[in-house]
Protein backbone atom coordinates (compact mmCIF):
# COMPACT_ATOMS: atom_id res chain seq x y z
CA UNK A 1 124.02 124.65 101.61
CA UNK A 2 126.59 122.07 100.54
CA UNK A 3 125.05 119.00 98.92
CA UNK A 4 127.10 116.09 100.21
CA UNK A 5 124.74 113.52 101.76
CA UNK A 6 123.09 110.32 100.54
CA UNK A 7 119.82 109.42 102.25
CA UNK A 8 118.13 106.05 102.74
CA UNK A 9 114.64 105.25 104.08
CA UNK A 10 112.23 102.34 103.94
CA UNK A 11 108.96 100.90 105.21
CA UNK A 12 106.66 103.92 105.10
CA UNK A 13 103.72 101.49 104.63
CA UNK A 14 101.47 104.26 103.38
CA UNK A 15 97.88 103.10 103.32
CA UNK A 16 97.79 101.67 106.85
CA UNK A 17 97.46 103.57 110.12
CA UNK A 18 99.91 103.11 113.02
CA UNK A 19 101.21 105.70 115.50
CA UNK A 20 99.87 108.29 113.06
CA UNK A 21 97.24 107.88 110.39
CA UNK A 22 98.53 107.13 106.92
CA UNK A 23 97.69 110.67 105.78
CA UNK A 24 99.47 112.25 108.75
CA UNK A 25 102.49 110.03 108.16
CA UNK A 26 102.55 110.96 104.47
CA UNK A 27 102.55 114.66 105.40
CA UNK A 28 105.39 113.98 107.83
CA UNK A 29 107.40 112.19 105.14
CA UNK A 30 106.92 115.12 102.77
CA UNK A 31 108.29 117.45 105.47
CA UNK A 32 111.29 115.14 105.81
CA UNK A 33 111.85 115.14 102.06
CA UNK A 34 111.75 118.93 102.03
CA UNK A 35 114.44 118.95 104.73
CA UNK A 36 116.84 116.36 103.31
CA UNK A 37 116.56 117.66 99.74
CA UNK A 38 118.55 120.72 100.83
CA UNK A 39 121.81 118.77 101.09
CA UNK A 40 121.04 115.45 99.34
CA UNK A 41 123.02 114.19 96.38
CA UNK A 42 121.00 110.97 96.08
CA UNK A 43 117.94 109.34 97.70
CA UNK A 44 117.21 105.63 98.14
CA UNK A 45 113.69 104.47 99.08
CA UNK A 46 114.29 100.87 100.07
CA UNK A 47 110.95 99.07 99.79
CA UNK A 48 107.48 98.83 101.36
CA UNK A 49 106.89 102.49 100.72
CA UNK A 50 103.25 101.51 100.18
CA UNK A 51 101.41 98.91 102.23
CA UNK A 52 99.94 97.73 98.94
CA UNK A 53 100.55 98.68 95.31
CA UNK A 54 99.39 97.17 92.04
CA UNK A 55 99.59 98.88 88.66
CA UNK A 56 96.88 98.06 86.19
CA UNK A 57 97.53 99.22 82.61
CA UNK A 58 95.68 102.51 83.22
CA UNK A 59 94.99 102.48 86.98
CA UNK A 60 97.13 102.89 90.10
CA UNK A 61 95.96 102.74 93.75
CA UNK A 62 94.13 105.79 95.00
CA UNK A 63 95.95 108.13 97.41
CA UNK A 64 99.61 108.96 98.16
CA UNK A 65 99.45 111.99 95.85
CA UNK A 66 101.43 114.18 98.24
CA UNK A 67 104.36 111.79 98.20
CA UNK A 68 104.23 111.30 94.44
CA UNK A 69 104.03 115.04 93.86
CA UNK A 70 107.02 115.72 96.12
CA UNK A 71 109.09 112.95 94.48
CA UNK A 72 108.21 114.35 91.04
CA UNK A 73 109.30 117.82 92.19
CA UNK A 74 112.61 116.55 93.56
CA UNK A 75 113.30 114.41 90.51
CA UNK A 76 112.46 117.29 88.14
CA UNK A 77 114.90 119.38 90.17
CA UNK A 78 117.69 116.93 89.37
CA UNK A 79 117.87 114.77 92.52
CA UNK A 80 118.64 111.11 91.65
CA UNK A 81 116.05 108.89 93.36
CA UNK A 82 116.01 105.09 93.53
CA UNK A 83 112.92 103.06 94.40
CA UNK A 84 113.07 99.44 95.59
CA UNK A 85 110.14 97.06 95.68
CA UNK A 86 109.41 95.34 98.98
CA UNK A 87 107.18 92.46 99.92
CA UNK A 88 104.15 94.79 100.17
CA UNK A 89 104.66 96.71 96.93
CA UNK A 90 106.33 94.13 94.70
CA UNK A 91 103.63 94.65 92.05
CA UNK A 92 105.19 97.90 90.94
CA UNK A 93 105.93 97.94 87.23
CA UNK A 94 106.84 100.97 85.08
CA UNK A 95 104.65 103.81 86.40
CA UNK A 96 107.37 105.42 88.53
CA UNK A 97 109.93 105.02 85.77
CA UNK A 98 107.78 106.51 83.02
CA UNK A 99 105.86 109.16 84.96
CA UNK A 100 108.46 110.27 87.51
CA UNK A 101 111.76 109.22 85.96
CA UNK A 102 112.58 107.11 89.03
CA UNK A 103 114.19 103.70 88.41
CA UNK A 104 112.65 100.73 90.22
CA UNK A 105 114.95 98.01 91.59
CA UNK A 106 113.58 94.54 92.28
CA UNK A 107 116.79 92.98 93.60
CA UNK A 108 119.61 94.29 95.82
CA UNK A 109 122.16 96.45 94.04
CA UNK A 110 125.83 97.23 94.69
CA UNK A 111 127.05 100.81 94.72
CA UNK A 112 130.29 102.57 95.65
CA UNK A 113 130.28 105.87 97.57
CA UNK A 114 133.45 107.59 98.77
CA UNK A 115 135.36 104.36 98.26
CA UNK A 116 132.95 102.33 100.39
CA UNK A 117 131.08 99.32 99.00
CA UNK A 118 127.31 99.23 99.59
CA UNK A 119 124.79 96.45 99.07
CA UNK A 120 121.29 97.96 99.12
CA UNK A 121 117.96 96.14 99.03
CA UNK A 122 114.71 95.62 100.89
CA UNK A 123 115.92 92.38 102.48
CA UNK A 124 112.82 90.22 102.19
CA UNK A 125 113.47 86.58 101.34
CA UNK A 126 117.15 86.67 102.36
CA UNK A 127 118.66 84.48 105.03
CA UNK A 128 117.45 81.15 106.46
CA UNK A 129 113.86 80.22 107.22
CA UNK A 130 110.62 81.93 106.18
CA UNK A 131 110.06 79.30 103.50
CA UNK A 132 106.35 80.01 103.27
CA UNK A 133 106.94 83.63 102.34
CA UNK A 134 109.68 82.70 99.87
CA UNK A 135 107.22 80.41 98.08
CA UNK A 136 104.49 83.08 98.03
CA UNK A 137 106.98 85.63 96.70
CA UNK A 138 107.76 83.37 93.74
CA UNK A 139 104.05 83.01 93.04
CA UNK A 140 103.43 86.77 93.20
CA UNK A 141 106.47 87.44 90.98
CA UNK A 142 105.21 85.04 88.32
CA UNK A 143 104.10 87.01 85.20
CA UNK A 144 101.18 84.65 84.64
CA UNK A 145 99.86 85.27 88.16
CA UNK A 146 100.28 89.01 87.67
CA UNK A 147 98.39 88.85 84.36
CA UNK A 148 95.57 86.89 85.97
CA UNK A 149 95.25 89.36 88.84
CA UNK A 150 95.14 92.24 86.36
CA UNK A 151 92.00 90.69 84.88
CA UNK A 152 90.16 91.42 88.17
CA UNK A 153 88.34 94.74 88.21
CA UNK A 154 90.31 97.30 90.29
CA UNK A 155 87.35 98.01 92.60
CA UNK A 156 87.51 94.40 93.79
CA UNK A 157 91.16 93.57 93.09
CA UNK A 158 92.62 96.42 95.14
CA UNK A 159 90.28 95.71 98.08
CA UNK A 160 91.26 92.04 97.96
CA UNK A 161 94.96 92.82 97.80
CA UNK A 162 94.70 95.31 100.67
CA UNK A 163 93.20 92.50 102.75
CA UNK A 164 96.10 90.17 101.87
CA UNK A 165 98.59 92.91 102.67
CA UNK A 166 97.06 93.43 106.08
CA UNK A 167 97.32 89.72 106.83
CA UNK A 168 101.01 89.49 105.88
CA UNK A 169 102.26 91.74 108.67
CA UNK A 170 100.73 93.16 111.80
CA UNK A 171 101.69 96.74 110.98
CA UNK A 172 99.57 98.04 113.85
CA UNK A 173 101.92 96.60 116.50
CA UNK A 174 105.53 97.47 117.25
CA UNK A 175 108.33 95.20 116.04
CA UNK A 176 110.03 92.70 118.39
CA UNK A 177 113.42 93.83 119.76
CA UNK A 178 116.80 92.83 118.36
CA UNK A 179 117.09 89.04 118.69
CA UNK A 180 120.88 88.71 118.67
CA UNK A 181 123.20 87.76 115.83
CA UNK A 182 122.33 84.05 116.04
CA UNK A 183 118.63 84.67 115.35
CA UNK A 184 118.52 87.74 113.12
CA UNK A 185 118.10 86.33 109.60
CA UNK A 186 119.63 89.29 107.81
CA UNK A 187 122.65 89.30 110.12
CA UNK A 188 123.17 85.61 109.32
CA UNK A 189 122.87 86.30 105.59
CA UNK A 190 125.34 89.20 105.74
CA UNK A 191 127.86 87.06 107.64
CA UNK A 192 127.53 84.39 104.95
CA UNK A 193 128.32 86.94 102.24
CA UNK A 194 131.44 88.12 104.07
CA UNK A 195 132.54 84.52 104.68
CA UNK A 196 132.13 83.87 100.94
CA UNK A 197 134.62 86.65 100.17
CA UNK A 198 132.21 89.50 99.34
CA UNK A 199 133.80 92.86 100.11
CA UNK A 200 130.93 94.94 101.39
CA UNK A 201 131.31 97.78 103.88
CA UNK A 202 127.60 98.47 104.39
CA UNK A 203 124.65 96.12 103.97
CA UNK A 204 121.66 98.48 103.90
CA UNK A 205 118.23 96.88 104.23
CA UNK A 206 114.68 97.56 105.36
CA UNK A 207 111.95 94.97 106.03
CA UNK A 208 112.84 94.33 109.70
CA UNK A 209 111.04 97.49 110.96
CA UNK A 210 113.76 98.04 113.55
CA UNK A 211 116.63 100.57 113.36
CA UNK A 212 119.75 98.39 113.59
CA UNK A 213 123.46 99.21 113.28
CA UNK A 214 125.38 95.95 113.76
CA UNK A 215 129.10 95.38 113.19
CA UNK A 216 129.78 91.99 111.61
CA UNK A 217 132.39 89.45 112.69
CA UNK A 218 135.16 90.90 110.52
CA UNK A 219 135.05 94.03 112.67
CA UNK A 220 134.53 96.49 109.82
CA UNK A 221 131.48 95.55 107.74
CA UNK A 222 128.13 96.75 109.08
CA UNK A 223 124.58 95.55 108.71
CA UNK A 224 122.25 98.54 108.72
CA UNK A 225 118.50 98.19 108.98
CA UNK A 226 116.68 101.41 108.25
CA UNK A 227 113.76 100.70 110.59
CA UNK A 228 110.34 102.08 109.65
CA UNK A 229 108.04 105.10 109.75
CA UNK A 230 105.16 103.35 111.47
CA UNK A 231 106.77 103.96 114.88
CA UNK A 232 110.42 104.98 114.50
CA UNK A 233 110.69 107.59 111.72
CA UNK A 234 114.23 106.35 111.16
CA UNK A 235 116.47 106.86 108.15
CA UNK A 236 120.10 106.49 107.07
CA UNK A 237 122.60 109.17 106.10
CA UNK A 238 125.99 108.69 104.47
CA UNK A 239 128.59 111.40 103.93
CA UNK A 240 132.33 111.87 104.33
CA UNK A 241 132.04 111.18 108.07
CA UNK A 242 130.46 107.74 107.49
CA UNK A 243 127.04 106.12 107.86
CA UNK A 244 124.61 106.86 110.67
CA UNK A 245 120.98 106.29 111.55
CA UNK A 246 118.88 109.29 112.49
CA UNK A 247 115.27 110.00 113.47
CA UNK A 248 112.79 112.61 112.23
CA UNK A 249 110.27 114.18 114.61
CA UNK A 250 110.85 111.34 117.08
CA UNK A 251 112.75 112.25 120.25
CA UNK A 252 112.61 108.67 121.57
CA UNK A 253 114.47 107.03 118.70
CA UNK A 254 116.75 104.13 119.62
CA UNK A 255 119.20 102.06 117.58
CA UNK A 256 119.41 98.30 118.23
CA UNK A 257 122.50 96.13 117.87
CA UNK A 258 124.83 99.11 118.21
CA UNK A 259 128.30 98.08 119.28
């Protein structure tokens, strides 16, 4: 099979149950990885893969071994994989880089594929509003705060952090529908980047938990939100025919904001 596709997915939120249990969803994701690895040239996992993650010096959260094993297999087989931190797994340090050979990105990155300009990131903290979260994100990203949390025994620290994670988003309920370009924060942010002269063909984000394909005001740039795997099982594919959102083992998948 010809390998000519780049895949994007986000917001697995492994560790919390939704339409499926976390374990069932992890098994589903592994099946998806087996499928896309047949023709993939690169894979981007765009944040909130875990509902909580914190790396102590010699301890990582229990579970998710099926996903880690599959990623290790794919990476050992030569598939380039990129991992982005999200607002739920921002406390990821060097475990994936050292153990799996997978680079971890903490800020959006620009890439060029087939002559098209991509900006790829989780999307949290961008756009107007949400000032409370933006403040908390700065606190959690502070090395002193991370060092202090690492002093807590994992048996208590991981339970405490799982509680915080559960409070930060109601992952057990479905996401509100597309709000329109005037109210979608990431749409507003993307429009600001285009207005400032940034030449981006595809803004690819997660975080919103809703599959969105929205054409911006210039008529050519597109804001893509990858959705989630709590309810949608949505992912992005880019090849010579362009970018599209697809769904895995979900016959009721719908794309919002589609022109």
